[in-house]
Every structure is written in structure tokens, then in C-alpha cells.
């Protein structure tokens, strides 16, 4: 039963990641690409980590995977917002090389 649940979670996570990757190929604007990457970071990766935690069973490895899933689920939207704000500010000027 645990293997079937892990397989279902893994299938859902991989489906989200593949759809996000496909959207990256189709969309050409930066905000559209950010919109496509948000579900991958906040849903896809946590589902894959949760599937791995279910498959490993109770123990330290499962706890580590659950923490990874929580950090990814919380950090995905925050990263998306940070990148969108940086994009809204405009292009970053190139750095000048330091003279030796």
C-alpha cells in the first residue's frame, strides 16, 4: 500500500514538473516563465520529496525529506517573488573588471 501511495505522489510530482518544463518552452516572456516555474518549485518538488519520504518509511531519512518538502514549498513562492521584483527593476548593468 505504501508503495502505491508513493508511486501516485511521484507521478503527480513528475507530471507537474514536466508541464512546467513544457510551459517554459512555449512561453517567451519573463513573467510568463516565472508563472510557469512557480508550480514546479511550490508543488512539483515537494510532491517528489513526499513520495520519497513515503517510500522510505518512518525514520530519519523520511523526516529529512519532509523538511526538504516544506522548505521547497515555502521557498518556491518567495523565490518567484524575488526574481519578479528583480526583473521589474530592469536589467542589471554589467560589472566592471577590476584592474590588476
Protein backbone atom coordinates (compact mmCIF):
# COMPACT_ATOMS: atom_id res chain seq x y z
CA UNK A 1 0.00 0.00 0.00
CA UNK A 2 2.82 2.40 0.88
CA UNK A 3 4.47 1.74 -2.47
CA UNK A 4 1.25 2.58 -4.34
CA UNK A 5 0.85 5.88 -2.44
CA UNK A 6 4.47 6.79 -3.13
CA UNK A 7 4.01 5.97 -6.80
CA UNK A 8 0.89 8.15 -7.02
CA UNK A 9 2.69 11.08 -5.36
CA UNK A 10 5.72 10.63 -7.59
CA UNK A 11 3.55 10.50 -10.72
CA UNK A 12 1.76 13.70 -9.72
CA UNK A 13 5.04 15.47 -8.91
CA UNK A 14 6.70 14.44 -12.16
CA UNK A 15 3.60 15.50 -14.11
CA UNK A 16 3.75 18.98 -12.57
CA UNK A 17 7.47 19.24 -13.31
CA UNK A 18 7.03 18.11 -16.92
CA UNK A 19 4.15 20.52 -17.52
CA UNK A 20 6.21 23.36 -16.08
CA UNK A 21 9.13 22.45 -18.34
CA UNK A 22 6.82 22.32 -21.34
CA UNK A 23 5.43 25.74 -20.43
CA UNK A 24 8.99 27.10 -20.34
CA UNK A 25 9.43 26.03 -23.94
CA UNK A 26 6.16 27.65 -25.04
CA UNK A 27 6.25 30.93 -23.12
CA UNK A 28 8.64 33.63 -24.23
CA UNK A 29 8.20 36.50 -21.76
CA UNK A 30 9.98 36.58 -18.38
CA UNK A 31 6.82 36.91 -16.29
CA UNK A 32 5.18 34.07 -18.17
CA UNK A 33 8.18 31.88 -17.50
CA UNK A 34 8.10 32.78 -13.82
CA UNK A 35 4.43 31.88 -13.77
CA UNK A 36 5.30 28.50 -15.30
CA UNK A 37 8.11 27.82 -12.81
CA UNK A 38 6.10 28.65 -9.69
CA UNK A 39 4.14 25.35 -9.61
CA UNK A 40 7.33 23.36 -10.19
CA UNK A 41 9.00 24.92 -7.16
CA UNK A 42 6.00 25.00 -4.84
CA UNK A 43 4.16 21.80 -5.82
CA UNK A 44 6.31 19.54 -8.01
CA UNK A 45 9.45 19.26 -5.89
CA UNK A 46 7.53 18.85 -2.60
CA UNK A 47 5.43 16.06 -4.13
CA UNK A 48 8.55 14.21 -5.28
CA UNK A 49 10.17 14.63 -1.85
CA UNK A 50 6.97 13.48 -0.15
CA UNK A 51 6.87 10.41 -2.40
CA UNK A 52 10.44 9.58 -1.43
CA UNK A 53 9.58 10.04 2.26
CA UNK A 54 6.59 7.73 1.99
CA UNK A 55 8.67 5.13 0.16
CA UNK A 56 11.48 5.15 2.76
CA UNK A 57 9.07 4.63 5.63
CA UNK A 58 9.35 6.01 9.15
CA UNK A 59 12.79 7.14 10.23
CA UNK A 60 15.34 9.90 9.99
CA UNK A 61 15.52 9.85 6.20
CA UNK A 62 11.77 10.43 5.96
CA UNK A 63 11.96 13.37 8.36
CA UNK A 64 14.77 14.92 6.32
CA UNK A 65 12.74 14.52 3.14
CA UNK A 66 9.67 16.06 4.77
CA UNK A 67 11.73 19.06 5.89
CA UNK A 68 13.05 19.38 2.34
CA UNK A 69 9.47 19.31 1.03
CA UNK A 70 8.38 22.02 3.49
CA UNK A 71 11.34 24.26 2.70
CA UNK A 72 10.76 23.88 -1.02
CA UNK A 73 7.02 24.54 -0.69
CA UNK A 74 7.67 27.70 1.32
CA UNK A 75 10.74 28.86 -0.58
CA UNK A 76 9.34 28.42 -4.09
CA UNK A 77 6.88 31.31 -3.98
CA UNK A 78 9.37 33.52 -2.14
CA UNK A 79 12.00 32.89 -4.81
CA UNK A 80 9.49 33.58 -7.57
CA UNK A 81 8.56 36.92 -5.98
CA UNK A 82 12.22 37.88 -5.55
CA UNK A 83 13.03 37.13 -9.18
CA UNK A 84 9.94 39.00 -10.39
CA UNK A 85 10.89 42.07 -8.37
CA UNK A 86 14.44 41.96 -9.73
CA UNK A 87 13.06 41.70 -13.26
CA UNK A 88 10.73 44.65 -12.66
CA UNK A 89 13.66 46.85 -11.63
CA UNK A 90 15.24 46.44 -15.02
CA UNK A 91 18.43 44.93 -16.37
CA UNK A 92 21.45 44.74 -14.13
CA UNK A 93 24.42 46.68 -15.51
CA UNK A 94 27.49 44.56 -16.24
CA UNK A 95 30.21 44.52 -13.62
CA UNK A 96 33.43 46.29 -14.37
CA UNK A 97 36.53 44.17 -14.30
CA UNK A 98 38.97 45.07 -11.56
CA UNK A 99 42.36 46.26 -12.79
CA UNK A 100 45.24 44.00 -11.71
